[in-house]
PDB file of N, CA and C in Angstrom:
ATOM      1  N   MET A   1     -18.771  17.801  -1.259  1.00  0.00           N
ATOM      2  CA  MET A   1     -17.387  17.913  -0.874  1.00  0.00           C
ATOM      3  C   MET A   1     -16.576  16.930  -1.709  1.00  0.00           C
ATOM      4  N   ILE A   2     -15.399  17.382  -2.131  1.00  0.00           N
ATOM      5  CA  ILE A   2     -14.481  16.533  -2.891  1.00  0.00           C
ATOM      6  C   ILE A   2     -13.423  15.994  -1.932  1.00  0.00           C
ATOM      7  N   VAL A   3     -13.306  14.667  -1.890  1.00  0.00           N
ATOM      8  CA  VAL A   3     -12.340  14.005  -1.021  1.00  0.00           C
ATOM      9  C   VAL A   3     -11.379  13.212  -1.888  1.00  0.00           C
ATOM     10  N   ARG A   4     -10.111  13.423  -1.656  1.00  0.00           N
ATOM     11  CA  ARG A   4      -9.077  12.647  -2.353  1.00  0.00           C
ATOM     12  C   ARG A   4      -8.506  11.618  -1.396  1.00  0.00           C
ATOM     13  N   ILE A   5      -8.381  10.390  -1.872  1.00  0.00           N
ATOM     14  CA  ILE A   5      -7.595   9.390  -1.161  1.00  0.00           C
ATOM     15  C   ILE A   5      -6.232   9.416  -1.836  1.00  0.00           C
ATOM     16  N   ALA A   6      -5.223   9.804  -1.090  1.00  0.00           N
ATOM     17  CA  ALA A   6      -3.877   9.953  -1.664  1.00  0.00           C
ATOM     18  C   ALA A   6      -3.481   8.671  -2.383  1.00  0.00           C
ATOM     19  N   THR A   7      -2.863   8.826  -3.520  1.00  0.00           N
ATOM     20  CA  THR A   7      -2.383   7.768  -4.413  1.00  0.00           C
ATOM     21  C   THR A   7      -3.506   7.014  -5.113  1.00  0.00           C
ATOM     22  N   GLU A   8      -4.763   7.463  -4.941  1.00  0.00           N
ATOM     23  CA  GLU A   8      -5.873   6.692  -5.492  1.00  0.00           C
ATOM     24  C   GLU A   8      -6.794   7.498  -6.405  1.00  0.00           C
ATOM     25  N   GLY A   9      -7.348   8.588  -5.927  1.00  0.00           N
ATOM     26  CA  GLY A   9      -8.277   9.345  -6.750  1.00  0.00           C
ATOM     27  C   GLY A   9      -9.186  10.223  -5.913  1.00  0.00           C
ATOM     28  N   GLN A  10     -10.092  10.919  -6.619  1.00  0.00           N
ATOM     29  CA  GLN A  10     -11.011  11.852  -5.973  1.00  0.00           C
ATOM     30  C   GLN A  10     -12.440  11.333  -6.050  1.00  0.00           C
ATOM     31  N   TYR A  11     -13.207  11.675  -5.017  1.00  0.00           N
ATOM     32  CA  TYR A  11     -14.602  11.270  -4.920  1.00  0.00           C
ATOM     33  C   TYR A  11     -15.427  12.456  -4.453  1.00  0.00           C
ATOM     34  N   GLU A  12     -16.640  12.576  -4.985  1.00  0.00           N
ATOM     35  CA  GLU A  12     -17.552  13.610  -4.519  1.00  0.00           C
ATOM     36  C   GLU A  12     -18.543  12.964  -3.560  1.00  0.00           C
ATOM     37  N   LEU A  13     -18.644  13.532  -2.352  1.00  0.00           N
ATOM     38  CA  LEU A  13     -19.513  12.980  -1.327  1.00  0.00           C
ATOM     39  C   LEU A  13     -20.708  13.889  -1.054  1.00  0.00           C
ATOM     40  N   SER A  14     -21.827  13.267  -0.747  1.00  0.00           N
ATOM     41  CA  SER A  14     -23.029  14.001  -0.354  1.00  0.00           C
ATOM     42  C   SER A  14     -22.840  14.559   1.057  1.00  0.00           C
ATOM     43  N   ASP A  15     -23.704  15.484   1.429  1.00  0.00           N
ATOM     44  CA  ASP A  15     -23.628  16.074   2.771  1.00  0.00           C
ATOM     45  C   ASP A  15     -23.785  15.011   3.849  1.00  0.00           C
ATOM     46  N   GLY A  16     -24.681  14.065   3.654  1.00  0.00           N
ATOM     47  CA  GLY A  16     -24.890  12.999   4.635  1.00  0.00           C
ATOM     48  C   GLY A  16     -23.650  12.145   4.813  1.00  0.00           C
ATOM     49  N   ALA A  17     -22.992  11.814   3.712  1.00  0.00           N
ATOM     50  CA  ALA A  17     -21.766  11.026   3.789  1.00  0.00           C
ATOM     51  C   ALA A  17     -20.663  11.822   4.477  1.00  0.00           C
ATOM     52  N   VAL A  18     -20.616  13.122   4.232  1.00  0.00           N
ATOM     53  CA  VAL A  18     -19.603  13.971   4.872  1.00  0.00           C
ATOM     54  C   VAL A  18     -19.817  13.993   6.382  1.00  0.00           C
ATOM     55  N   GLU A  19     -21.055  14.028   6.825  1.00  0.00           N
ATOM     56  CA  GLU A  19     -21.332  14.008   8.264  1.00  0.00           C
ATOM     57  C   GLU A  19     -20.834  12.714   8.892  1.00  0.00           C
ATOM     58  N   ARG A  20     -21.095  11.588   8.241  1.00  0.00           N
ATOM     59  CA  ARG A  20     -20.618  10.293   8.757  1.00  0.00           C
ATOM     60  C   ARG A  20     -19.095  10.221   8.708  1.00  0.00           C
ATOM     61  N   LEU A  21     -18.506  10.768   7.644  1.00  0.00           N
ATOM     62  CA  LEU A  21     -17.047  10.808   7.523  1.00  0.00           C
ATOM     63  C   LEU A  21     -16.439  11.619   8.658  1.00  0.00           C
ATOM     64  N   ASN A  22     -17.036  12.747   8.976  1.00  0.00           N
ATOM     65  CA  ASN A  22     -16.545  13.602  10.045  1.00  0.00           C
ATOM     66  C   ASN A  22     -16.613  12.877  11.391  1.00  0.00           C
ATOM     67  N   ALA A  23     -17.704  12.160  11.634  1.00  0.00           N
ATOM     68  CA  ALA A  23     -17.843  11.415  12.889  1.00  0.00           C
ATOM     69  C   ALA A  23     -16.760  10.336  12.999  1.00  0.00           C
ATOM     70  N   LEU A  24     -16.518   9.614  11.911  1.00  0.00           N
ATOM     71  CA  LEU A  24     -15.461   8.592  11.913  1.00  0.00           C
ATOM     72  C   LEU A  24     -14.086   9.226  12.105  1.00  0.00           C
ATOM     73  N   ASP A  25     -13.864  10.364  11.473  1.00  0.00           N
ATOM     74  CA  ASP A  25     -12.602  11.088  11.604  1.00  0.00           C
ATOM     75  C   ASP A  25     -12.366  11.465  13.066  1.00  0.00           C
ATOM     76  N   ASN A  26     -13.395  11.977  13.728  1.00  0.00           N
ATOM     77  CA  ASN A  26     -13.259  12.358  15.135  1.00  0.00           C
ATOM     78  C   ASN A  26     -12.936  11.151  16.006  1.00  0.00           C
ATOM     79  N   GLU A  27     -13.590  10.022  15.728  1.00  0.00           N
ATOM     80  CA  GLU A  27     -13.293   8.800  16.477  1.00  0.00           C
ATOM     81  C   GLU A  27     -11.870   8.319  16.210  1.00  0.00           C
ATOM     82  N   ALA A  28     -11.405   8.455  14.970  1.00  0.00           N
ATOM     83  CA  ALA A  28     -10.034   8.049  14.631  1.00  0.00           C
ATOM     84  C   ALA A  28      -9.016   8.899  15.387  1.00  0.00           C
ATOM     85  N   VAL A  29      -9.290  10.193  15.525  1.00  0.00           N
ATOM     86  CA  VAL A  29      -8.401  11.073  16.291  1.00  0.00           C
ATOM     87  C   VAL A  29      -8.329  10.586  17.742  1.00  0.00           C
ATOM     88  N   GLU A  30      -9.477  10.242  18.315  1.00  0.00           N
ATOM     89  CA  GLU A  30      -9.502   9.743  19.686  1.00  0.00           C
ATOM     90  C   GLU A  30      -8.700   8.456  19.818  1.00  0.00           C
ATOM     91  N   ALA A  31      -8.829   7.552  18.844  1.00  0.00           N
ATOM     92  CA  ALA A  31      -8.084   6.296  18.876  1.00  0.00           C
ATOM     93  C   ALA A  31      -6.580   6.555  18.810  1.00  0.00           C
ATOM     94  N   VAL A  32      -6.167   7.465  17.934  1.00  0.00           N
ATOM     95  CA  VAL A  32      -4.738   7.800  17.826  1.00  0.00           C
ATOM     96  C   VAL A  32      -4.254   8.436  19.130  1.00  0.00           C
ATOM     97  N   ASP A  33      -5.032   9.377  19.666  1.00  0.00           N
ATOM     98  CA  ASP A  33      -4.651  10.049  20.910  1.00  0.00           C
ATOM     99  C   ASP A  33      -4.465   9.063  22.054  1.00  0.00           C
ATOM    100  N   SER A  34      -5.284   8.009  22.078  1.00  0.00           N
ATOM    101  CA  SER A  34      -5.190   7.036  23.161  1.00  0.00           C
ATOM    102  C   SER A  34      -4.208   5.901  22.856  1.00  0.00           C
ATOM    103  N   GLY A  35      -3.599   5.926  21.658  1.00  0.00           N
ATOM    104  CA  GLY A  35      -2.629   4.897  21.285  1.00  0.00           C
ATOM    105  C   GLY A  35      -3.254   3.566  20.905  1.00  0.00           C
ATOM    106  N   ASP A  36      -4.534   3.560  20.572  1.00  0.00           N
ATOM    107  CA  ASP A  36      -5.258   2.339  20.238  1.00  0.00           C
ATOM    108  C   ASP A  36      -5.161   2.068  18.733  1.00  0.00           C
ATOM    109  N   GLU A  37      -4.092   1.394  18.342  1.00  0.00           N
ATOM    110  CA  GLU A  37      -3.850   1.156  16.916  1.00  0.00           C
ATOM    111  C   GLU A  37      -4.926   0.275  16.287  1.00  0.00           C
ATOM    112  N   ALA A  38      -5.370  -0.746  17.006  1.00  0.00           N
ATOM    113  CA  ALA A  38      -6.396  -1.641  16.451  1.00  0.00           C
ATOM    114  C   ALA A  38      -7.684  -0.867  16.158  1.00  0.00           C
ATOM    115  N   ARG A  39      -8.094  -0.034  17.082  1.00  0.00           N
ATOM    116  CA  ARG A  39      -9.307   0.770  16.882  1.00  0.00           C
ATOM    117  C   ARG A  39      -9.114   1.751  15.730  1.00  0.00           C
ATOM    118  N   PHE A  40      -7.924   2.378  15.655  1.00  0.00           N
ATOM    119  CA  PHE A  40      -7.650   3.288  14.543  1.00  0.00           C
ATOM    120  C   PHE A  40      -7.755   2.549  13.215  1.00  0.00           C
ATOM    121  N   ARG A  41      -7.144   1.373  13.120  1.00  0.00           N
ATOM    122  CA  ARG A  41      -7.172   0.608  11.862  1.00  0.00           C
ATOM    123  C   ARG A  41      -8.614   0.318  11.440  1.00  0.00           C
ATOM    124  N   GLU A  42      -9.443  -0.078  12.413  1.00  0.00           N
ATOM    125  CA  GLU A  42     -10.844  -0.361  12.124  1.00  0.00           C
ATOM    126  C   GLU A  42     -11.547   0.891  11.595  1.00  0.00           C
ATOM    127  N   LEU A  43     -11.359   2.005  12.278  1.00  0.00           N
ATOM    128  CA  LEU A  43     -12.019   3.255  11.882  1.00  0.00           C
ATOM    129  C   LEU A  43     -11.496   3.777  10.556  1.00  0.00           C
ATOM    130  N   PHE A  44     -10.184   3.715  10.352  1.00  0.00           N
ATOM    131  CA  PHE A  44      -9.624   4.206   9.101  1.00  0.00           C
ATOM    132  C   PHE A  44     -10.112   3.352   7.931  1.00  0.00           C
ATOM    133  N   GLY A  45     -10.239   2.052   8.152  1.00  0.00           N
ATOM    134  CA  GLY A  45     -10.817   1.184   7.121  1.00  0.00           C
ATOM    135  C   GLY A  45     -12.240   1.595   6.778  1.00  0.00           C
ATOM    136  N   GLN A  46     -13.011   1.976   7.802  1.00  0.00           N
ATOM    137  CA  GLN A  46     -14.378   2.444   7.574  1.00  0.00           C
ATOM    138  C   GLN A  46     -14.386   3.770   6.816  1.00  0.00           C
ATOM    139  N   ILE A  47     -13.442   4.640   7.127  1.00  0.00           N
ATOM    140  CA  ILE A  47     -13.337   5.931   6.432  1.00  0.00           C
ATOM    141  C   ILE A  47     -13.081   5.710   4.943  1.00  0.00           C
ATOM    142  N   ILE A  48     -12.093   4.886   4.639  1.00  0.00           N
ATOM    143  CA  ILE A  48     -11.740   4.610   3.239  1.00  0.00           C
ATOM    144  C   ILE A  48     -12.925   3.942   2.531  1.00  0.00           C
ATOM    145  N   ALA A  49     -13.560   2.972   3.186  1.00  0.00           N
ATOM    146  CA  ALA A  49     -14.694   2.271   2.583  1.00  0.00           C
ATOM    147  C   ALA A  49     -15.858   3.230   2.322  1.00  0.00           C
ATOM    148  N   LEU A  50     -16.138   4.123   3.263  1.00  0.00           N
ATOM    149  CA  LEU A  50     -17.224   5.081   3.083  1.00  0.00           C
ATOM    150  C   LEU A  50     -16.983   5.940   1.843  1.00  0.00           C
ATOM    151  N   VAL A  51     -15.777   6.447   1.707  1.00  0.00           N
ATOM    152  CA  VAL A  51     -15.465   7.308   0.559  1.00  0.00           C
ATOM    153  C   VAL A  51     -15.575   6.522  -0.741  1.00  0.00           C
ATOM    154  N   ARG A  52     -15.030   5.321  -0.773  1.00  0.00           N
ATOM    155  CA  ARG A  52     -15.068   4.511  -1.992  1.00  0.00           C
ATOM    156  C   ARG A  52     -16.485   4.086  -2.367  1.00  0.00           C
ATOM    157  N   GLN A  53     -17.277   3.715  -1.370  1.00  0.00           N
ATOM    158  CA  GLN A  53     -18.599   3.154  -1.635  1.00  0.00           C
ATOM    159  C   GLN A  53     -19.681   4.209  -1.840  1.00  0.00           C
ATOM    160  N   GLU A  54     -19.582   5.295  -1.094  1.00  0.00           N
ATOM    161  CA  GLU A  54     -20.645   6.298  -1.170  1.00  0.00           C
ATOM    162  C   GLU A  54     -20.267   7.517  -2.004  1.00  0.00           C
ATOM    163  N   GLY A  55     -18.993   7.666  -2.298  1.00  0.00           N
ATOM    164  CA  GLY A  55     -18.558   8.779  -3.121  1.00  0.00           C
ATOM    165  C   GLY A  55     -18.675   8.454  -4.593  1.00  0.00           C
ATOM    166  N   ALA A  56     -18.905   9.477  -5.378  1.00  0.00           N
ATOM    167  CA  ALA A  56     -18.920   9.332  -6.833  1.00  0.00           C
ATOM    168  C   ALA A  56     -17.510   9.619  -7.331  1.00  0.00           C
ATOM    169  N   ALA A  57     -16.876   8.613  -7.909  1.00  0.00           N
ATOM    170  CA  ALA A  57     -15.505   8.774  -8.391  1.00  0.00           C
ATOM    171  C   ALA A  57     -15.461   9.842  -9.491  1.00  0.00           C
ATOM    172  N   LEU A  58     -14.498  10.734  -9.388  1.00  0.00           N
ATOM    173  CA  LEU A  58     -14.316  11.773 -10.400  1.00  0.00           C
ATOM    174  C   LEU A  58     -13.307  11.291 -11.433  1.00  0.00           C
ATOM    175  N   GLY A  59     -13.520  11.673 -12.657  1.00  0.00           N
ATOM    176  CA  GLY A  59     -12.612  11.293 -13.725  1.00  0.00           C
ATOM    177  C   GLY A  59     -11.272  12.003 -13.611  1.00  0.00           C
ATOM    178  N   ALA A  60     -10.272  11.434 -14.224  1.00  0.00           N
ATOM    179  CA  ALA A  60      -8.924  12.004 -14.189  1.00  0.00           C
ATOM    180  C   ALA A  60      -8.882  13.388 -14.829  1.00  0.00           C
ATOM    181  N   ASP A  61      -9.836  13.680 -15.706  1.00  0.00           N
ATOM    182  CA  ASP A  61      -9.863  14.977 -16.375  1.00  0.00           C
ATOM    183  C   ASP A  61     -10.622  16.041 -15.569  1.00  0.00           C
ATOM    184  N   ASP A  62     -11.190  15.662 -14.426  1.00  0.00           N
ATOM    185  CA  ASP A  62     -11.893  16.611 -13.550  1.00  0.00           C
ATOM    186  C   ASP A  62     -10.844  17.326 -12.705  1.00  0.00           C
ATOM    187  N   LEU A  63     -10.688  18.611 -12.918  1.00  0.00           N
ATOM    188  CA  LEU A  63      -9.605  19.372 -12.293  1.00  0.00           C
ATOM    189  C   LEU A  63     -10.021  20.129 -11.037  1.00  0.00           C
ATOM    190  N   ARG A  64     -11.200  19.822 -10.499  1.00  0.00           N
ATOM    191  CA  ARG A  64     -11.604  20.483  -9.256  1.00  0.00           C
ATOM    192  C   ARG A  64     -10.649  20.095  -8.135  1.00  0.00           C
ATOM    193  N   GLY A  65     -10.382  21.049  -7.264  1.00  0.00           N
ATOM    194  CA  GLY A  65      -9.501  20.786  -6.133  1.00  0.00           C
ATOM    195  C   GLY A  65     -10.197  19.974  -5.058  1.00  0.00           C
ATOM    196  N   SER A  66      -9.411  19.269  -4.282  1.00  0.00           N
ATOM    197  CA  SER A  66      -9.939  18.470  -3.179  1.00  0.00           C
ATOM    198  C   SER A  66     -10.163  19.350  -1.967  1.00  0.00           C
ATOM    199  N   ASP A  67     -11.279  19.133  -1.276  1.00  0.00           N
ATOM    200  CA  ASP A  67     -11.544  19.819  -0.018  1.00  0.00           C
ATOM    201  C   ASP A  67     -10.809  19.142   1.125  1.00  0.00           C
ATOM    202  N   VAL A  68     -10.652  17.826   1.014  1.00  0.00           N
ATOM    203  CA  VAL A  68      -9.984  17.019   2.033  1.00  0.00           C
ATOM    204  C   VAL A  68      -9.116  15.992   1.328  1.00  0.00           C
ATOM    205  N   ILE A  69      -7.925  15.776   1.862  1.00  0.00           N
ATOM    206  CA  ILE A  69      -7.047  14.735   1.327  1.00  0.00           C
ATOM    207  C   ILE A  69      -6.803  13.719   2.431  1.00  0.00           C
ATOM    208  N   LEU A  70      -7.278  12.488   2.192  1.00  0.00           N
ATOM    209  CA  LEU A  70      -7.042  11.401   3.130  1.00  0.00           C
ATOM    210  C   LEU A  70      -5.702  10.753   2.827  1.00  0.00           C
ATOM    211  N   PRO A  71      -5.020  10.287   3.851  1.00  0.00           N
ATOM    212  CA  PRO A  71      -3.788   9.552   3.586  1.00  0.00           C
ATOM    213  C   PRO A  71      -4.103   8.250   2.850  1.00  0.00           C
ATOM    214  N   PRO A  72      -3.105   7.636   2.235  1.00  0.00           N
ATOM    215  CA  PRO A  72      -3.349   6.377   1.521  1.00  0.00           C
ATOM    216  C   PRO A  72      -3.854   5.293   2.470  1.00  0.00           C
ATOM    217  N   ALA A  73      -4.540   4.310   1.904  1.00  0.00           N
ATOM    218  CA  ALA A  73      -5.134   3.233   2.696  1.00  0.00           C
ATOM    219  C   ALA A  73      -4.104   2.463   3.525  1.00  0.00           C
ATOM    220  N   ASP A  74      -2.850   2.441   3.089  1.00  0.00           N
ATOM    221  CA  ASP A  74      -1.815   1.687   3.802  1.00  0.00           C
ATOM    222  C   ASP A  74      -1.014   2.556   4.789  1.00  0.00           C
ATOM    223  N   THR A  75      -1.593   3.660   5.228  1.00  0.00           N
ATOM    224  CA  THR A  75      -0.927   4.560   6.172  1.00  0.00           C
ATOM    225  C   THR A  75      -0.573   3.816   7.452  1.00  0.00           C
ATOM    226  N   SER A  76       0.645   4.013   7.921  1.00  0.00           N
ATOM    227  CA  SER A  76       1.069   3.379   9.170  1.00  0.00           C
ATOM    228  C   SER A  76       0.489   4.135  10.360  1.00  0.00           C
ATOM    229  N   PHE A  77       0.461   3.485  11.504  1.00  0.00           N
ATOM    230  CA  PHE A  77      -0.044   4.136  12.715  1.00  0.00           C
ATOM    231  C   PHE A  77       0.848   5.316  13.079  1.00  0.00           C
ATOM    232  N   GLU A  78       2.127   5.178  12.862  1.00  0.00           N
ATOM    233  CA  GLU A  78       3.055   6.292  13.146  1.00  0.00           C
ATOM    234  C   GLU A  78       2.728   7.493  12.257  1.00  0.00           C
ATOM    235  N   GLU A  79       2.473   7.256  10.986  1.00  0.00           N
ATOM    236  CA  GLU A  79       2.072   8.345  10.092  1.00  0.00           C
ATOM    237  C   GLU A  79       0.740   8.955  10.536  1.00  0.00           C
ATOM    238  N   ALA A  80      -0.161   8.110  10.991  1.00  0.00           N
ATOM    239  CA  ALA A  80      -1.467   8.585  11.448  1.00  0.00           C
ATOM    240  C   ALA A  80      -1.331   9.529  12.630  1.00  0.00           C
ATOM    241  N   ARG A  81      -0.341   9.315  13.464  1.00  0.00           N
ATOM    242  CA  ARG A  81      -0.120  10.195  14.625  1.00  0.00           C
ATOM    243  C   ARG A  81       0.122  11.642  14.191  1.00  0.00           C
ATOM    244  N   HIS A  82       0.623  11.830  12.990  1.00  0.00           N
ATOM    245  CA  HIS A  82       0.899  13.180  12.486  1.00  0.00           C
ATOM    246  C   HIS A  82      -0.303  13.781  11.749  1.00  0.00           C
ATOM    247  N   GLU A  83      -1.190  12.923  11.257  1.00  0.00           N
ATOM    248  CA  GLU A  83      -2.322  13.391  10.452  1.00  0.00           C
ATOM    249  C   GLU A  83      -3.605  13.536  11.267  1.00  0.00           C
ATOM    250  N   PHE A  84      -3.854  12.580  12.156  1.00  0.00           N
ATOM    251  CA  PHE A  84      -5.099  12.551  12.917  1.00  0.00           C
ATOM    252  C   PHE A  84      -4.873  13.213  14.272  1.00  0.00           C
ATOM    253  N   THR A  85      -4.820  14.545  14.260  1.00  0.00           N
ATOM    254  CA  THR A  85      -4.594  15.326  15.469  1.00  0.00           C
ATOM    255  C   THR A  85      -5.634  16.447  15.538  1.00  0.00           C
ATOM    256  N   GLY A  86      -5.778  17.024  16.699  1.00  0.00           N
ATOM    257  CA  GLY A  86      -6.681  18.169  16.843  1.00  0.00           C
ATOM    258  C   GLY A  86      -8.077  17.838  16.374  1.00  0.00           C
ATOM    259  N   GLU A  87      -8.544  18.589  15.385  1.00  0.00           N
ATOM    260  CA  GLU A  87      -9.885  18.376  14.824  1.00  0.00           C
ATOM    261  C   GLU A  87      -9.887  17.264  13.774  1.00  0.00           C
ATOM    262  N   GLY A  88      -8.735  16.681  13.510  1.00  0.00           N
ATOM    263  CA  GLY A  88      -8.666  15.616  12.517  1.00  0.00           C
ATOM    264  C   GLY A  88      -8.519  16.162  11.108  1.00  0.00           C
ATOM    265  N   LEU A  89      -8.844  15.344  10.145  1.00  0.00           N
ATOM    266  CA  LEU A  89      -8.706  15.721   8.747  1.00  0.00           C
ATOM    267  C   LEU A  89      -9.844  16.636   8.302  1.00  0.00           C
ATOM    268  N   LEU A  90     -10.992  16.505   8.949  1.00  0.00           N
ATOM    269  CA  LEU A  90     -12.156  17.342   8.644  1.00  0.00           C
ATOM    270  C   LEU A  90     -12.455  18.215   9.849  1.00  0.00           C
ATOM    271  N   PRO A  91     -12.346  19.515   9.714  1.00  0.00           N
ATOM    272  CA  PRO A  91     -12.667  20.389  10.847  1.00  0.00           C
ATOM    273  C   PRO A  91     -14.139  20.262  11.236  1.00  0.00           C
ATOM    274  N   GLY A  92     -14.390  20.286  12.530  1.00  0.00           N
ATOM    275  CA  GLY A  92     -15.775  20.274  12.992  1.00  0.00           C
ATOM    276  C   GLY A  92     -16.158  19.083  13.783  1.00  0.00           C
TER     277      GLY A  92
END
């Protein structure tokens, strides 16, 4: 799966990393739904770190489309309320 971090770049993730990303995404949705900004910040930091650390960065000349676009690392909690809803950024 190709994941883009907005304003940063694209990364290719293994299936195992995608499963962990999905679990964190679901927890982030729960944190946003409950209004727990501190918990959301912790989880979103883990999401960004997982993509950066376990994903293989794609070159600027790689024109494959992103399967998922994450908001930038400095996303506000208010912005997160609009992005982390329902099934979250990753369906499932």
